[in-house]
């Protein structure tokens, strides 16, 4: 699995995936020190096989990768923003996800879908964050499908 970013969203994703059983994570980040912090957490606390790649220029996704996640804000409110990924390295069948929820379809996801990848937008993540917040504050577990429809309606989708 390749994860772009080492900030809040990327950190949460990496920890959740580690707890869910992911065995190997490559963190690709522009700041080596911030990436190293996340790497330490993944290795020391979750005992994962984790590697850090300093991100400069276009990153080519290794061929054996099954999941690619943009855990950065690149593309948020900027439909034409481009994640520095070698698009030709995205292979059919890869699962490609983006935490960005607006626009729902980022350039990164469009590029991935055009290459035959399974593209997953950030709306589901936003819905699940909302569910956790409602549970925390009220003890009520809202219906994810209802929340997803309400979010789409609020966003004019």
Protein backbone atom coordinates (compact mmCIF):
# COMPACT_ATOMS: atom_id res chain seq x y z
CA UNK A 1 0.00 0.00 0.00
CA UNK A 2 1.18 3.51 -0.84
CA UNK A 3 -0.01 6.47 1.24
CA UNK A 4 0.67 10.04 0.17
CA UNK A 5 1.03 12.43 3.10
CA UNK A 6 1.86 12.24 6.79
CA UNK A 7 -0.50 14.86 8.24
CA UNK A 8 -3.68 14.35 10.24
CA UNK A 9 -5.77 12.51 7.63
CA UNK A 10 -2.88 10.37 6.43
CA UNK A 11 -1.88 9.53 10.00
CA UNK A 12 -5.42 8.44 10.86
CA UNK A 13 -5.67 6.36 7.68
CA UNK A 14 -2.33 4.66 8.32
CA UNK A 15 -3.21 3.78 11.92
CA UNK A 16 -6.68 2.47 10.99
CA UNK A 17 -5.28 0.38 8.15
CA UNK A 18 -2.57 -0.96 10.44
CA UNK A 19 -5.15 -1.90 13.07
CA UNK A 20 -7.26 -3.54 10.33
CA UNK A 21 -4.40 -5.83 9.36
CA UNK A 22 -2.45 -4.05 6.64
CA UNK A 23 1.04 -5.51 6.73
CA UNK A 24 3.06 -3.04 4.64
CA UNK A 25 2.72 0.71 4.11
CA UNK A 26 4.94 3.01 2.09
CA UNK A 27 4.56 6.61 3.23
CA UNK A 28 5.36 9.14 0.50
CA UNK A 29 5.79 12.61 1.94
CA UNK A 30 7.47 15.90 1.06
CA UNK A 31 8.73 16.49 4.60
CA UNK A 32 11.12 13.75 5.67
CA UNK A 33 10.85 14.70 9.35
CA UNK A 34 7.05 14.55 9.38
CA UNK A 35 7.13 11.31 7.42
CA UNK A 36 9.66 9.87 9.87
CA UNK A 37 7.29 10.63 12.77
CA UNK A 38 4.52 8.61 11.12
CA UNK A 39 6.98 5.87 10.20
CA UNK A 40 8.07 5.58 13.84
CA UNK A 41 4.47 5.24 14.97
CA UNK A 42 3.72 2.56 12.38
CA UNK A 43 6.86 0.57 13.14
CA UNK A 44 7.08 0.99 16.91
CA UNK A 45 3.45 0.94 17.98
CA UNK A 46 1.77 -1.13 15.26
CA UNK A 47 4.76 -3.31 14.32
CA UNK A 48 4.17 -2.73 10.60
CA UNK A 49 6.60 -3.08 7.76
CA UNK A 50 6.70 0.62 6.88
CA UNK A 51 8.96 2.59 4.58
CA UNK A 52 9.36 6.30 3.88
CA UNK A 53 9.97 7.80 0.47
CA UNK A 54 10.91 11.47 0.22
CA UNK A 55 8.49 12.94 -2.31
CA UNK A 56 10.11 15.16 -4.89
CA UNK A 57 8.91 15.26 -8.45
CA UNK A 58 6.61 12.60 -9.84
CA UNK A 59 6.32 9.42 -7.82
CA UNK A 60 5.99 6.15 -9.74
CA UNK A 61 3.74 3.65 -7.97
CA UNK A 62 5.52 0.28 -7.64
CA UNK A 63 3.88 -2.37 -9.84
CA UNK A 64 3.04 -4.72 -6.95
CA UNK A 65 0.99 -2.05 -5.14
CA UNK A 66 -2.65 -2.92 -4.53
CA UNK A 67 -3.89 0.23 -2.75
CA UNK A 68 -2.93 3.88 -3.31
CA UNK A 69 -4.33 6.63 -1.07
CA UNK A 70 -3.99 10.39 -1.36
CA UNK A 71 -4.02 11.47 2.29
CA UNK A 72 -3.06 15.07 1.44
CA UNK A 73 -5.23 18.11 0.76
CA UNK A 74 -3.93 18.35 -2.81
CA UNK A 75 -7.01 18.83 -4.95
CA UNK A 76 -9.27 20.15 -2.18
CA UNK A 77 -11.47 22.83 -3.76
CA UNK A 78 -9.11 22.74 -6.76
CA UNK A 79 -10.45 20.40 -9.46
CA UNK A 80 -7.42 20.86 -11.73
CA UNK A 81 -4.79 20.37 -9.00
CA UNK A 82 -2.52 17.50 -9.85
CA UNK A 83 -1.01 15.03 -7.42
CA UNK A 84 2.59 14.46 -8.53
CA UNK A 85 2.13 10.81 -9.47
CA UNK A 86 3.33 9.15 -12.66
CA UNK A 87 -0.12 8.36 -14.06
CA UNK A 88 1.25 5.57 -16.26
CA UNK A 89 2.36 3.74 -13.10
CA UNK A 90 -1.29 3.30 -12.01
CA UNK A 91 -2.28 -0.22 -13.01
CA UNK A 92 -5.73 -1.67 -13.73
CA UNK A 93 -7.20 -3.27 -10.63
CA UNK A 94 -5.43 -1.02 -8.12
CA UNK A 95 -7.72 0.54 -5.53
CA UNK A 96 -7.09 4.29 -5.58
CA UNK A 97 -8.68 6.46 -2.90
CA UNK A 98 -8.66 10.18 -2.18
CA UNK A 99 -9.52 11.86 1.12
CA UNK A 100 -10.54 14.99 -0.78
CA UNK A 101 -14.33 15.37 -0.78
CA UNK A 102 -14.73 18.59 -2.77
CA UNK A 103 -14.59 18.15 -5.63
CA UNK A 104 -15.89 14.61 -5.27
CA UNK A 105 -14.02 13.50 -8.39
CA UNK A 106 -10.49 14.85 -8.23
CA UNK A 107 -8.11 14.84 -11.15
CA UNK A 108 -6.22 12.06 -9.36
CA UNK A 109 -9.34 9.86 -9.23
CA UNK A 110 -10.23 10.64 -12.85
CA UNK A 111 -6.69 9.70 -13.94
CA UNK A 112 -6.87 6.48 -11.91
CA UNK A 113 -10.29 5.51 -13.30
CA UNK A 114 -9.05 6.14 -16.84
CA UNK A 115 -6.24 3.66 -16.16
CA UNK A 116 -8.68 0.96 -15.00
CA UNK A 117 -8.29 1.48 -11.26
CA UNK A 118 -11.13 1.28 -8.77
CA UNK A 119 -11.45 4.94 -7.72
CA UNK A 120 -12.94 5.78 -4.30
CA UNK A 121 -13.80 9.38 -3.41
CA UNK A 122 -13.59 11.10 -0.03
CA UNK A 123 -17.34 11.32 0.64
CA UNK A 124 -17.42 8.00 2.49
CA UNK A 125 -14.63 9.14 4.79
CA UNK A 126 -16.46 12.38 5.52
CA UNK A 127 -19.70 10.50 6.24
CA UNK A 128 -17.93 8.11 8.61
CA UNK A 129 -16.26 11.00 10.44
CA UNK A 130 -19.72 12.49 10.89
CA UNK A 131 -21.09 9.20 12.19
CA UNK A 132 -18.31 8.99 14.77
CA UNK A 133 -18.98 12.57 15.87
CA UNK A 134 -22.71 11.95 16.28
CA UNK A 135 -22.00 8.73 18.20
CA UNK A 136 -19.53 10.49 20.47
CA UNK A 137 -21.79 13.41 21.30
CA UNK A 138 -25.19 11.71 21.39
CA UNK A 139 -24.65 7.96 21.72
CA UNK A 140 -26.83 7.51 18.63
CA UNK A 141 -25.54 5.64 15.58
CA UNK A 142 -26.92 7.35 12.48
CA UNK A 143 -27.66 5.52 9.24
CA UNK A 144 -24.65 5.88 6.91
CA UNK A 145 -26.77 5.73 3.74
CA UNK A 146 -29.05 8.52 5.01
CA UNK A 147 -26.04 10.64 5.93
CA UNK A 148 -24.43 9.97 2.55
CA UNK A 149 -27.58 11.09 0.71
CA UNK A 150 -27.86 14.18 2.92
CA UNK A 151 -24.23 15.07 2.22
CA UNK A 152 -24.73 14.65 -1.52
CA UNK A 153 -27.84 16.84 -1.33
CA UNK A 154 -26.03 19.51 0.70
CA UNK A 155 -23.20 19.50 -1.85
CA UNK A 156 -25.62 19.69 -4.78
CA UNK A 157 -24.61 16.31 -6.18
